[in-house]
Amino acid sequence: MQKRVIEMELISDACLSNGSSTPGSVDVDICVDENGFPCFNSSTFKGNLRESLEIIEENYPDDFNGYTNALLGKGGSVVTSEGKLKLSNFQLPLAVREHFKDSVEATFTALTHQRAETSINENGVAADGTFRLLRVLKRGYKLYAEVADLDEAYLPFLCLGLSFTKHVGYKRNRGLGRVAFRLYEGETNKYTDITAKYAGSFLSR
C-alpha cells in the first residue's frame, strides 16, 4: 500500500522547542517523544505551514479558495474544526532511534548541543537577567511525519506550502530553524520525492 511521509531536513541548527526548560541545564529545551528522542510536534508544524498556505491562497484565490481551512481546520486563536491533513509528529528515522535505544542520553550528546543568547543594552554590554541557554538539534538531520490518507486534489496546494515553509521553531527569524520540507510517496525504503511533481504541475500551467 502506498504511503506518504513529509521529510523535514535541518539546513541550520533548530530549537524545536516545546516551551519547557530543564532545571540546571537549559532555559529553552527541545520537544521529545514518549521515549525521550528529539521530535517536532505536528500541531506546531501545522501552524508554520498555515502561514505559507494562507499566502498562497491569497495569491491564487481562484485555484485554492478555502483550501487552507480545509486542510488545517478553521484557524484563529484556537483551531475550531479538524482539517483533512492528519499526520504524526516528526520523528528521527527508525535506524537512528534503534541505534540509540539503549541510551537516550547519548542521543542528546550526538545530535544536539547548547547555544547561549543574551540581550545587549544601550551601553553595548549584556543586559542583566537576559542570559539564556538553548538546546538545539544539529543541522543536517532529517525528521519524518507519516501522512494519513489525503485526497490527491490537495497535493499541489500542500506541496506548494511545503516548498514555501523555510523556517520553524524557536528563534526561527533569528538564524535558527532553517529547513527544507519534502513530500514522499511509496512503500517502506522505496519512497519517491513527489514535491516538485505536484508543486511544478501547478506552477507550470
N, C-alpha and C. Protein backbone atom coordinates (compact mmCIF):
# COMPACT_ATOMS: atom_id res chain seq x y z
N MET A 1 0.83 -1.20 0.00
CA MET A 1 0.00 0.00 0.00
C MET A 1 0.86 1.24 0.00
N GLN A 2 0.54 2.19 -0.87
CA GLN A 2 1.31 3.42 -0.97
C GLN A 2 1.09 4.28 0.28
N LYS A 3 2.18 4.81 0.81
CA LYS A 3 2.12 5.70 1.96
C LYS A 3 2.80 7.02 1.60
N ARG A 4 2.47 8.03 2.38
CA ARG A 4 3.11 9.34 2.19
C ARG A 4 3.73 9.78 3.51
N VAL A 5 4.92 10.37 3.41
CA VAL A 5 5.59 10.93 4.58
C VAL A 5 6.14 12.30 4.20
N ILE A 6 6.17 13.19 5.18
CA ILE A 6 6.79 14.50 4.99
C ILE A 6 8.16 14.46 5.65
N GLU A 7 9.17 14.85 4.89
CA GLU A 7 10.54 14.92 5.40
C GLU A 7 10.86 16.36 5.76
N MET A 8 11.47 16.55 6.91
CA MET A 8 11.97 17.86 7.32
C MET A 8 13.49 17.77 7.48
N GLU A 9 14.21 18.42 6.61
CA GLU A 9 15.68 18.44 6.68
C GLU A 9 16.13 19.73 7.35
N LEU A 10 17.00 19.60 8.34
CA LEU A 10 17.51 20.78 9.04
C LEU A 10 18.69 21.36 8.27
N ILE A 11 18.46 22.53 7.68
CA ILE A 11 19.53 23.22 6.95
C ILE A 11 20.43 23.97 7.92
N SER A 12 19.86 24.41 9.02
CA SER A 12 20.63 25.03 10.10
C SER A 12 20.26 24.35 11.41
N ASP A 13 20.98 24.65 12.48
CA ASP A 13 20.57 24.17 13.79
C ASP A 13 19.15 24.66 14.07
N ALA A 14 18.37 23.88 14.82
CA ALA A 14 16.99 24.24 15.10
C ALA A 14 16.64 23.97 16.55
N CYS A 15 15.96 24.93 17.17
CA CYS A 15 15.45 24.75 18.52
C CYS A 15 13.97 24.41 18.39
N LEU A 16 13.66 23.13 18.30
CA LEU A 16 12.28 22.66 18.15
C LEU A 16 11.66 22.59 19.54
N SER A 17 11.39 23.76 20.08
CA SER A 17 11.02 23.88 21.49
C SER A 17 9.58 23.49 21.75
N ASN A 18 9.38 22.95 22.95
CA ASN A 18 8.03 22.68 23.44
C ASN A 18 7.65 23.68 24.53
N GLY A 19 8.48 24.70 24.69
CA GLY A 19 8.21 25.73 25.68
C GLY A 19 8.71 25.40 27.07
N SER A 20 9.35 24.24 27.22
CA SER A 20 9.80 23.83 28.55
C SER A 20 11.28 24.15 28.76
N SER A 21 11.70 24.05 30.00
CA SER A 21 13.11 24.20 30.36
C SER A 21 13.53 22.98 31.16
N THR A 22 14.84 22.80 31.27
CA THR A 22 15.38 21.71 32.10
C THR A 22 16.21 22.33 33.21
N PRO A 23 15.69 22.35 34.43
CA PRO A 23 16.40 22.99 35.54
C PRO A 23 17.84 22.49 35.66
N GLY A 24 18.76 23.45 35.80
CA GLY A 24 20.16 23.10 35.94
C GLY A 24 20.84 22.78 34.63
N SER A 25 20.09 22.87 33.50
CA SER A 25 20.67 22.53 32.21
C SER A 25 20.42 23.64 31.19
N VAL A 26 19.21 23.71 30.64
CA VAL A 26 18.91 24.71 29.61
C VAL A 26 17.61 25.44 29.95
N ASP A 27 17.52 26.68 29.44
CA ASP A 27 16.33 27.50 29.68
C ASP A 27 15.25 27.25 28.64
N VAL A 28 15.64 26.87 27.43
CA VAL A 28 14.69 26.55 26.38
C VAL A 28 15.08 25.19 25.81
N ASP A 29 14.25 24.18 26.06
CA ASP A 29 14.59 22.83 25.64
C ASP A 29 13.80 22.43 24.40
N ILE A 30 14.22 21.34 23.77
CA ILE A 30 13.54 20.86 22.58
C ILE A 30 12.46 19.85 22.95
N CYS A 31 11.56 19.62 22.03
CA CYS A 31 10.48 18.66 22.22
C CYS A 31 11.03 17.24 22.10
N VAL A 32 10.54 16.34 22.94
CA VAL A 32 10.94 14.94 22.86
C VAL A 32 9.70 14.06 22.82
N ASP A 33 9.85 12.86 22.24
CA ASP A 33 8.72 11.93 22.17
C ASP A 33 8.63 11.11 23.46
N GLU A 34 7.72 10.14 23.47
CA GLU A 34 7.49 9.36 24.69
C GLU A 34 8.69 8.53 25.11
N ASN A 35 9.64 8.33 24.18
CA ASN A 35 10.85 7.58 24.50
C ASN A 35 12.05 8.48 24.77
N GLY A 36 11.84 9.78 24.73
CA GLY A 36 12.90 10.73 25.04
C GLY A 36 13.72 11.20 23.86
N PHE A 37 13.32 10.81 22.63
CA PHE A 37 14.06 11.23 21.45
C PHE A 37 13.55 12.59 20.95
N PRO A 38 14.45 13.42 20.40
CA PRO A 38 14.02 14.70 19.84
C PRO A 38 12.96 14.50 18.77
N CYS A 39 11.95 15.38 18.76
CA CYS A 39 10.88 15.31 17.77
C CYS A 39 10.37 16.71 17.49
N PHE A 40 9.39 16.83 16.59
CA PHE A 40 8.78 18.11 16.28
C PHE A 40 7.28 17.91 16.24
N ASN A 41 6.57 18.67 17.04
CA ASN A 41 5.13 18.49 17.20
C ASN A 41 4.39 18.84 15.92
N SER A 42 3.47 17.97 15.52
CA SER A 42 2.73 18.19 14.26
C SER A 42 1.85 19.43 14.33
N SER A 43 1.32 19.76 15.50
CA SER A 43 0.47 20.94 15.61
C SER A 43 1.28 22.22 15.42
N THR A 44 2.52 22.22 15.91
CA THR A 44 3.40 23.37 15.69
C THR A 44 3.74 23.49 14.21
N PHE A 45 4.03 22.37 13.58
CA PHE A 45 4.29 22.36 12.14
C PHE A 45 3.11 22.93 11.36
N LYS A 46 1.91 22.52 11.72
CA LYS A 46 0.72 23.00 11.01
C LYS A 46 0.57 24.51 11.14
N GLY A 47 0.95 25.04 12.30
CA GLY A 47 0.91 26.49 12.46
C GLY A 47 1.86 27.19 11.51
N ASN A 48 3.07 26.64 11.36
CA ASN A 48 4.04 27.20 10.41
C ASN A 48 3.55 27.05 8.98
N LEU A 49 3.00 25.87 8.67
CA LEU A 49 2.50 25.61 7.32
C LEU A 49 1.34 26.54 6.98
N ARG A 50 0.48 26.81 7.95
CA ARG A 50 -0.68 27.68 7.70
C ARG A 50 -0.24 29.05 7.17
N GLU A 51 0.83 29.60 7.73
CA GLU A 51 1.30 30.91 7.29
C GLU A 51 1.62 30.90 5.80
N SER A 52 2.26 29.82 5.34
CA SER A 52 2.59 29.72 3.91
C SER A 52 1.34 29.49 3.07
N LEU A 53 0.47 28.61 3.52
CA LEU A 53 -0.72 28.28 2.75
C LEU A 53 -1.65 29.49 2.60
N GLU A 54 -1.76 30.29 3.64
CA GLU A 54 -2.64 31.47 3.56
C GLU A 54 -2.13 32.46 2.51
N ILE A 55 -0.81 32.59 2.41
CA ILE A 55 -0.24 33.49 1.40
C ILE A 55 -0.52 32.95 0.00
N ILE A 56 -0.35 31.64 -0.17
CA ILE A 56 -0.61 31.03 -1.48
C ILE A 56 -2.08 31.17 -1.85
N GLU A 57 -2.97 30.90 -0.90
CA GLU A 57 -4.41 31.02 -1.18
C GLU A 57 -4.78 32.46 -1.52
N GLU A 58 -4.17 33.41 -0.82
CA GLU A 58 -4.45 34.82 -1.09
C GLU A 58 -4.03 35.22 -2.50
N ASN A 59 -2.95 34.63 -2.99
CA ASN A 59 -2.44 34.99 -4.32
C ASN A 59 -3.10 34.19 -5.44
N TYR A 60 -3.68 33.04 -5.09
CA TYR A 60 -4.34 32.21 -6.12
C TYR A 60 -5.75 31.83 -5.64
N PRO A 61 -6.61 32.83 -5.39
CA PRO A 61 -7.94 32.53 -4.83
C PRO A 61 -8.82 31.72 -5.75
N ASP A 62 -8.65 31.86 -7.06
CA ASP A 62 -9.48 31.10 -8.00
C ASP A 62 -9.15 29.61 -7.97
N ASP A 63 -7.92 29.30 -7.58
CA ASP A 63 -7.49 27.90 -7.57
C ASP A 63 -7.64 27.24 -6.21
N PHE A 64 -7.44 28.02 -5.13
CA PHE A 64 -7.34 27.41 -3.81
C PHE A 64 -8.26 28.04 -2.77
N ASN A 65 -9.35 28.58 -3.18
CA ASN A 65 -10.27 29.22 -2.23
C ASN A 65 -10.77 28.20 -1.19
N GLY A 66 -10.51 28.50 0.08
CA GLY A 66 -10.96 27.63 1.17
C GLY A 66 -10.07 26.44 1.46
N TYR A 67 -8.98 26.29 0.69
CA TYR A 67 -8.13 25.11 0.85
C TYR A 67 -7.38 25.10 2.19
N THR A 68 -6.97 26.27 2.68
CA THR A 68 -6.20 26.30 3.93
C THR A 68 -7.02 25.73 5.07
N ASN A 69 -8.24 26.23 5.23
CA ASN A 69 -9.09 25.72 6.30
C ASN A 69 -9.50 24.28 6.07
N ALA A 70 -9.64 23.89 4.80
CA ALA A 70 -10.00 22.50 4.51
C ALA A 70 -8.89 21.56 4.96
N LEU A 71 -7.63 21.95 4.74
CA LEU A 71 -6.51 21.10 5.13
C LEU A 71 -6.23 21.15 6.63
N LEU A 72 -6.28 22.34 7.22
CA LEU A 72 -5.78 22.52 8.58
C LEU A 72 -6.86 22.82 9.60
N GLY A 73 -8.09 22.95 9.16
CA GLY A 73 -9.15 23.35 10.08
C GLY A 73 -9.25 24.86 10.12
N LYS A 74 -10.35 25.36 10.62
CA LYS A 74 -10.56 26.79 10.68
C LYS A 74 -9.64 27.41 11.70
N GLY A 75 -8.86 28.39 11.29
CA GLY A 75 -7.87 28.99 12.17
C GLY A 75 -8.44 30.07 13.05
N GLY A 76 -7.59 30.64 13.90
CA GLY A 76 -7.98 31.67 14.85
C GLY A 76 -7.12 31.51 16.09
N SER A 77 -7.63 32.01 17.22
CA SER A 77 -6.87 31.84 18.46
C SER A 77 -6.76 30.36 18.82
N VAL A 78 -7.77 29.60 18.39
CA VAL A 78 -7.72 28.14 18.50
C VAL A 78 -8.29 27.56 17.22
N VAL A 79 -7.92 26.32 16.90
CA VAL A 79 -8.48 25.66 15.73
C VAL A 79 -9.85 25.10 16.12
N THR A 80 -10.89 25.56 15.44
CA THR A 80 -12.25 25.20 15.84
C THR A 80 -12.82 24.04 15.04
N SER A 81 -12.13 23.60 14.00
CA SER A 81 -12.58 22.45 13.23
C SER A 81 -11.38 21.66 12.76
N GLU A 82 -11.54 20.36 12.62
CA GLU A 82 -10.43 19.50 12.23
C GLU A 82 -10.27 19.50 10.72
N GLY A 83 -9.04 19.62 10.26
CA GLY A 83 -8.78 19.63 8.83
C GLY A 83 -8.50 18.25 8.28
N LYS A 84 -8.33 18.19 6.98
CA LYS A 84 -8.12 16.91 6.29
C LYS A 84 -6.69 16.41 6.42
N LEU A 85 -5.74 17.31 6.71
CA LEU A 85 -4.34 16.90 6.84
C LEU A 85 -4.10 16.33 8.23
N LYS A 86 -3.91 15.04 8.29
CA LYS A 86 -3.66 14.35 9.56
C LYS A 86 -2.30 13.68 9.47
N LEU A 87 -1.45 13.96 10.42
CA LEU A 87 -0.11 13.40 10.37
C LEU A 87 0.44 13.20 11.78
N SER A 88 1.44 12.34 11.86
CA SER A 88 2.10 12.08 13.14
C SER A 88 3.06 13.21 13.46
N ASN A 89 3.60 13.19 14.68
CA ASN A 89 4.70 14.11 14.98
C ASN A 89 5.92 13.72 14.14
N PHE A 90 6.79 14.68 13.91
CA PHE A 90 8.03 14.40 13.18
C PHE A 90 9.01 13.69 14.11
N GLN A 91 9.55 12.58 13.63
CA GLN A 91 10.49 11.79 14.42
C GLN A 91 11.78 11.54 13.65
N LEU A 92 12.83 11.24 14.41
CA LEU A 92 14.08 10.81 13.79
C LEU A 92 13.84 9.48 13.07
N PRO A 93 14.65 9.17 12.07
CA PRO A 93 14.50 7.88 11.38
C PRO A 93 14.59 6.71 12.35
N LEU A 94 13.89 5.65 12.03
CA LEU A 94 13.87 4.47 12.90
C LEU A 94 15.28 3.95 13.16
N ALA A 95 16.14 3.98 12.14
CA ALA A 95 17.50 3.47 12.30
C ALA A 95 18.27 4.25 13.37
N VAL A 96 18.04 5.57 13.43
CA VAL A 96 18.71 6.40 14.44
C VAL A 96 18.16 6.07 15.82
N ARG A 97 16.84 5.94 15.91
CA ARG A 97 16.24 5.62 17.21
C ARG A 97 16.66 4.23 17.70
N GLU A 98 16.78 3.29 16.78
CA GLU A 98 17.23 1.95 17.16
C GLU A 98 18.67 1.99 17.64
N HIS A 99 19.49 2.80 16.98
CA HIS A 99 20.91 2.89 17.34
C HIS A 99 21.10 3.40 18.76
N PHE A 100 20.23 4.35 19.16
CA PHE A 100 20.39 4.99 20.47
C PHE A 100 19.39 4.48 21.50
N LYS A 101 18.68 3.38 21.21
CA LYS A 101 17.58 2.96 22.09
C LYS A 101 18.04 2.61 23.50
N ASP A 102 19.30 2.20 23.67
CA ASP A 102 19.78 1.82 24.99
C ASP A 102 20.33 2.99 25.79
N SER A 103 20.42 4.15 25.13
CA SER A 103 20.94 5.33 25.83
C SER A 103 20.44 6.59 25.15
N VAL A 104 19.29 7.05 25.60
CA VAL A 104 18.74 8.28 25.04
C VAL A 104 19.66 9.46 25.33
N GLU A 105 20.35 9.42 26.45
CA GLU A 105 21.28 10.49 26.80
C GLU A 105 22.35 10.63 25.72
N ALA A 106 22.77 9.50 25.15
CA ALA A 106 23.77 9.55 24.08
C ALA A 106 23.22 10.24 22.84
N THR A 107 21.91 10.16 22.64
CA THR A 107 21.27 10.85 21.53
C THR A 107 21.50 12.34 21.63
N PHE A 108 21.29 12.88 22.83
CA PHE A 108 21.45 14.32 23.03
C PHE A 108 22.91 14.74 22.87
N THR A 109 23.82 13.88 23.30
CA THR A 109 25.24 14.20 23.14
C THR A 109 25.63 14.24 21.66
N ALA A 110 25.11 13.29 20.89
CA ALA A 110 25.49 13.17 19.49
C ALA A 110 24.74 14.13 18.57
N LEU A 111 23.45 14.37 18.85
CA LEU A 111 22.60 15.07 17.90
C LEU A 111 22.30 16.52 18.27
N THR A 112 22.58 16.90 19.52
CA THR A 112 22.25 18.26 19.94
C THR A 112 23.45 18.94 20.57
N HIS A 113 23.33 20.24 20.71
CA HIS A 113 24.28 20.98 21.52
C HIS A 113 23.59 22.22 22.07
N GLN A 114 24.27 22.95 22.94
CA GLN A 114 23.67 24.11 23.58
C GLN A 114 24.22 25.40 22.98
N ARG A 115 23.34 26.39 22.89
CA ARG A 115 23.74 27.71 22.42
C ARG A 115 23.31 28.74 23.43
N ALA A 116 24.13 29.75 23.60
CA ALA A 116 23.83 30.81 24.56
C ALA A 116 23.32 32.05 23.83
N GLU A 117 22.40 32.77 24.47
CA GLU A 117 21.92 34.03 23.93
C GLU A 117 21.76 35.03 25.06
N THR A 118 21.88 36.30 24.71
CA THR A 118 21.67 37.36 25.68
C THR A 118 21.29 38.63 24.95
N SER A 119 20.72 39.57 25.66
CA SER A 119 20.37 40.88 25.07
C SER A 119 21.46 41.88 25.43
N ILE A 120 21.73 42.78 24.48
CA ILE A 120 22.74 43.82 24.68
C ILE A 120 22.03 45.14 24.99
N ASN A 121 22.46 45.81 26.06
CA ASN A 121 21.83 47.08 26.42
C ASN A 121 22.43 48.25 25.66
N GLU A 122 21.98 49.46 25.96
CA GLU A 122 22.42 50.66 25.23
C GLU A 122 23.90 50.95 25.40
N ASN A 123 24.52 50.33 26.41
CA ASN A 123 25.96 50.53 26.63
C ASN A 123 26.81 49.48 25.93
N GLY A 124 26.14 48.57 25.23
CA GLY A 124 26.89 47.57 24.48
C GLY A 124 27.34 46.39 25.31
N VAL A 125 26.73 46.19 26.47
CA VAL A 125 27.07 45.05 27.32
C VAL A 125 25.82 44.23 27.57
N ALA A 126 26.01 43.01 28.04
CA ALA A 126 24.88 42.11 28.27
C ALA A 126 23.95 42.68 29.33
N ALA A 127 22.66 42.72 29.01
CA ALA A 127 21.65 43.21 29.95
C ALA A 127 21.46 42.19 31.07
N ASP A 128 21.26 42.70 32.28
CA ASP A 128 21.08 41.82 33.43
C ASP A 128 19.87 40.90 33.23
N GLY A 129 20.04 39.63 33.60
CA GLY A 129 18.93 38.68 33.59
C GLY A 129 18.50 38.20 32.23
N THR A 130 19.31 38.45 31.19
CA THR A 130 18.90 38.05 29.84
C THR A 130 19.68 36.85 29.29
N PHE A 131 20.64 36.35 30.06
CA PHE A 131 21.42 35.21 29.57
C PHE A 131 20.57 33.95 29.59
N ARG A 132 20.53 33.23 28.46
CA ARG A 132 19.74 32.01 28.37
C ARG A 132 20.51 30.96 27.59
N LEU A 133 20.30 29.71 27.96
CA LEU A 133 20.87 28.58 27.23
C LEU A 133 19.76 27.86 26.47
N LEU A 134 20.00 27.60 25.18
CA LEU A 134 19.05 26.88 24.34
C LEU A 134 19.65 25.53 23.96
N ARG A 135 18.78 24.51 23.87
CA ARG A 135 19.23 23.25 23.29
C ARG A 135 18.75 23.23 21.84
N VAL A 136 19.66 22.90 20.93
CA VAL A 136 19.30 22.87 19.51
C VAL A 136 19.67 21.51 18.91
N LEU A 137 18.87 21.10 17.95
CA LEU A 137 19.17 19.90 17.18
C LEU A 137 20.10 20.31 16.04
N LYS A 138 21.17 19.57 15.84
CA LYS A 138 22.19 19.95 14.88
C LYS A 138 21.68 19.89 13.44
N ARG A 139 22.19 20.77 12.62
CA ARG A 139 21.82 20.81 11.21
C ARG A 139 22.26 19.52 10.51
N GLY A 140 21.55 19.20 9.44
CA GLY A 140 21.89 18.03 8.66
C GLY A 140 21.01 16.83 8.94
N TYR A 141 20.36 16.82 10.10
CA TYR A 141 19.49 15.69 10.42
C TYR A 141 18.12 15.85 9.76
N LYS A 142 17.44 14.73 9.60
CA LYS A 142 16.12 14.72 8.98
C LYS A 142 15.13 14.04 9.91
N LEU A 143 13.92 14.59 9.95
CA LEU A 143 12.84 14.01 10.72
C LEU A 143 11.67 13.75 9.78
N TYR A 144 10.82 12.78 10.16
CA TYR A 144 9.76 12.35 9.25
C TYR A 144 8.42 12.26 9.98
N ALA A 145 7.36 12.67 9.27
CA ALA A 145 5.99 12.55 9.77
C ALA A 145 5.17 11.74 8.78
N GLU A 146 4.42 10.78 9.27
CA GLU A 146 3.55 9.99 8.42
C GLU A 146 2.25 10.74 8.16
N VAL A 147 1.82 10.73 6.90
CA VAL A 147 0.61 11.44 6.50
C VAL A 147 -0.51 10.43 6.29
N ALA A 148 -1.65 10.67 6.93
CA ALA A 148 -2.81 9.81 6.71
C ALA A 148 -3.35 10.06 5.31
N ASP A 149 -4.20 9.17 4.85
CA ASP A 149 -4.75 9.26 3.50
C ASP A 149 -5.31 10.65 3.22
N LEU A 150 -4.86 11.25 2.12
CA LEU A 150 -5.26 12.60 1.74
C LEU A 150 -5.61 12.62 0.26
N ASP A 151 -6.75 13.22 -0.06
CA ASP A 151 -7.21 13.30 -1.44
C ASP A 151 -6.14 13.96 -2.31
N GLU A 152 -5.86 13.36 -3.46
CA GLU A 152 -4.81 13.85 -4.35
C GLU A 152 -5.07 15.29 -4.81
N ALA A 153 -6.33 15.72 -4.80
CA ALA A 153 -6.66 17.08 -5.24
C ALA A 153 -5.97 18.14 -4.38
N TYR A 154 -5.62 17.79 -3.15
CA TYR A 154 -4.97 18.76 -2.25
C TYR A 154 -3.44 18.73 -2.36
N LEU A 155 -2.89 17.78 -3.06
CA LEU A 155 -1.43 17.64 -3.07
C LEU A 155 -0.69 18.82 -3.69
N PRO A 156 -1.16 19.41 -4.82
CA PRO A 156 -0.45 20.59 -5.33
C PRO A 156 -0.37 21.72 -4.29
N PHE A 157 -1.49 21.97 -3.62
CA PHE A 157 -1.54 23.03 -2.61
C PHE A 157 -0.61 22.70 -1.45
N LEU A 158 -0.66 21.46 -0.97
CA LEU A 158 0.21 21.05 0.13
C LEU A 158 1.67 21.16 -0.26
N CYS A 159 2.03 20.70 -1.45
CA CYS A 159 3.44 20.73 -1.88
C CYS A 159 3.94 22.15 -2.07
N LEU A 160 3.08 23.04 -2.54
CA LEU A 160 3.46 24.45 -2.62
C LEU A 160 3.73 25.00 -1.22
N GLY A 161 2.85 24.66 -0.28
CA GLY A 161 3.05 25.13 1.09
C GLY A 161 4.32 24.59 1.70
N LEU A 162 4.62 23.33 1.47
CA LEU A 162 5.86 22.75 1.99
C LEU A 162 7.08 23.45 1.39
N SER A 163 7.02 23.76 0.10
CA SER A 163 8.14 24.41 -0.57
C SER A 163 8.38 25.82 -0.06
N PHE A 164 7.30 26.49 0.39
CA PHE A 164 7.42 27.88 0.85
C PHE A 164 7.70 27.98 2.34
N THR A 165 7.60 26.88 3.07
CA THR A 165 7.86 26.91 4.52
C THR A 165 9.33 26.63 4.75
N LYS A 166 10.05 27.67 5.14
CA LYS A 166 11.52 27.59 5.21
C LYS A 166 12.10 27.67 6.62
N HIS A 167 11.29 28.08 7.61
CA HIS A 167 11.81 28.24 8.97
C HIS A 167 10.79 27.75 9.98
N VAL A 168 11.26 27.06 11.02
CA VAL A 168 10.40 26.56 12.08
C VAL A 168 11.12 26.70 13.42
N GLY A 169 10.33 26.61 14.50
CA GLY A 169 10.92 26.54 15.83
C GLY A 169 11.21 27.88 16.47
N TYR A 170 11.80 27.80 17.64
CA TYR A 170 12.17 28.98 18.42
C TYR A 170 13.29 29.74 17.72
N LYS A 171 13.17 31.08 17.70
CA LYS A 171 14.16 31.96 17.06
C LYS A 171 14.28 31.67 15.56
N ARG A 172 13.16 31.27 14.94
CA ARG A 172 13.21 30.92 13.52
C ARG A 172 13.46 32.11 12.62
N ASN A 173 13.29 33.32 13.14
CA ASN A 173 13.60 34.51 12.37
C ASN A 173 14.92 35.14 12.80
N ARG A 174 15.67 34.40 13.60
CA ARG A 174 16.95 34.91 14.12
C ARG A 174 18.09 33.94 13.83
N GLY A 175 18.01 33.23 12.72
CA GLY A 175 19.13 32.39 12.31
C GLY A 175 18.99 30.91 12.61
N LEU A 176 18.02 30.55 13.45
CA LEU A 176 17.80 29.14 13.74
C LEU A 176 16.63 28.60 12.93
N GLY A 177 16.56 27.28 12.82
CA GLY A 177 15.37 26.64 12.27
C GLY A 177 15.15 26.75 10.79
N ARG A 178 16.21 26.91 10.01
CA ARG A 178 16.04 26.89 8.55
C ARG A 178 15.90 25.44 8.11
N VAL A 179 14.85 25.15 7.35
CA VAL A 179 14.54 23.77 6.99
C VAL A 179 14.13 23.66 5.53
N ALA A 180 14.07 22.42 5.06
CA ALA A 180 13.51 22.11 3.74
C ALA A 180 12.54 20.96 3.93
N PHE A 181 11.31 21.15 3.46
CA PHE A 181 10.29 20.10 3.55
C PHE A 181 10.10 19.44 2.19
N ARG A 182 9.86 18.13 2.23
CA ARG A 182 9.57 17.37 1.00
C ARG A 182 8.49 16.33 1.31
N LEU A 183 7.66 16.07 0.31
CA LEU A 183 6.63 15.04 0.44
C LEU A 183 7.06 13.82 -0.35
N TYR A 184 7.07 12.67 0.32
CA TYR A 184 7.46 11.41 -0.32
C TYR A 184 6.26 10.47 -0.37
N GLU A 185 6.27 9.63 -1.39
CA GLU A 185 5.22 8.63 -1.56
C GLU A 185 5.85 7.31 -1.95
N GLY A 186 5.30 6.22 -1.44
CA GLY A 186 5.82 4.90 -1.80
C GLY A 186 5.61 3.89 -0.71
N GLU A 187 6.51 2.92 -0.65
CA GLU A 187 6.48 1.88 0.36
C GLU A 187 7.77 1.94 1.16
N THR A 188 7.83 1.20 2.25
CA THR A 188 8.99 1.24 3.13
C THR A 188 10.30 1.06 2.35
N ASN A 189 11.22 2.03 2.53
CA ASN A 189 12.54 2.03 1.89
C ASN A 189 12.48 2.23 0.37
N LYS A 190 11.30 2.56 -0.16
CA LYS A 190 11.17 2.78 -1.60
C LYS A 190 10.32 4.03 -1.87
N TYR A 191 10.67 5.10 -1.20
CA TYR A 191 9.90 6.34 -1.33
C TYR A 191 10.46 7.22 -2.44
N THR A 192 9.55 7.95 -3.10
CA THR A 192 9.92 8.88 -4.16
C THR A 192 9.47 10.29 -3.78
N ASP A 193 10.35 11.26 -3.97
CA ASP A 193 10.02 12.65 -3.69
C ASP A 193 9.03 13.15 -4.74
N ILE A 194 7.82 13.53 -4.31
CA ILE A 194 6.79 13.99 -5.25
C ILE A 194 6.49 15.48 -5.09
N THR A 195 7.31 16.18 -4.31
CA THR A 195 7.06 17.60 -4.05
C THR A 195 7.08 18.42 -5.33
N ALA A 196 8.17 18.28 -6.09
CA ALA A 196 8.30 19.06 -7.33
C ALA A 196 7.25 18.66 -8.35
N LYS A 197 6.89 17.40 -8.35
CA LYS A 197 5.89 16.90 -9.31
C LYS A 197 4.58 17.65 -9.14
N TYR A 198 4.09 17.76 -7.91
CA TYR A 198 2.79 18.39 -7.69
C TYR A 198 2.87 19.91 -7.63
N ALA A 199 3.91 20.45 -7.01
CA ALA A 199 4.06 21.90 -6.99
C ALA A 199 4.33 22.40 -8.41
N GLY A 200 5.18 21.67 -9.13
CA GLY A 200 5.51 22.07 -10.50
C GLY A 200 4.34 21.95 -11.46
N SER A 201 3.46 20.95 -11.23
CA SER A 201 2.31 20.80 -12.11
C SER A 201 1.40 22.01 -12.05
N PHE A 202 1.37 22.68 -10.91
CA PHE A 202 0.56 23.88 -10.79
C PHE A 202 1.29 25.10 -11.36
N LEU A 203 2.55 25.26 -11.00
CA LEU A 203 3.30 26.44 -11.42
C LEU A 203 3.58 26.47 -12.91
N SER A 204 3.60 25.32 -13.55
CA SER A 204 3.93 25.25 -14.98
C SER A 204 2.70 25.29 -15.89
N ARG A 205 1.54 25.56 -15.33
CA ARG A 205 0.33 25.57 -16.16
C ARG A 205 0.40 26.65 -17.22
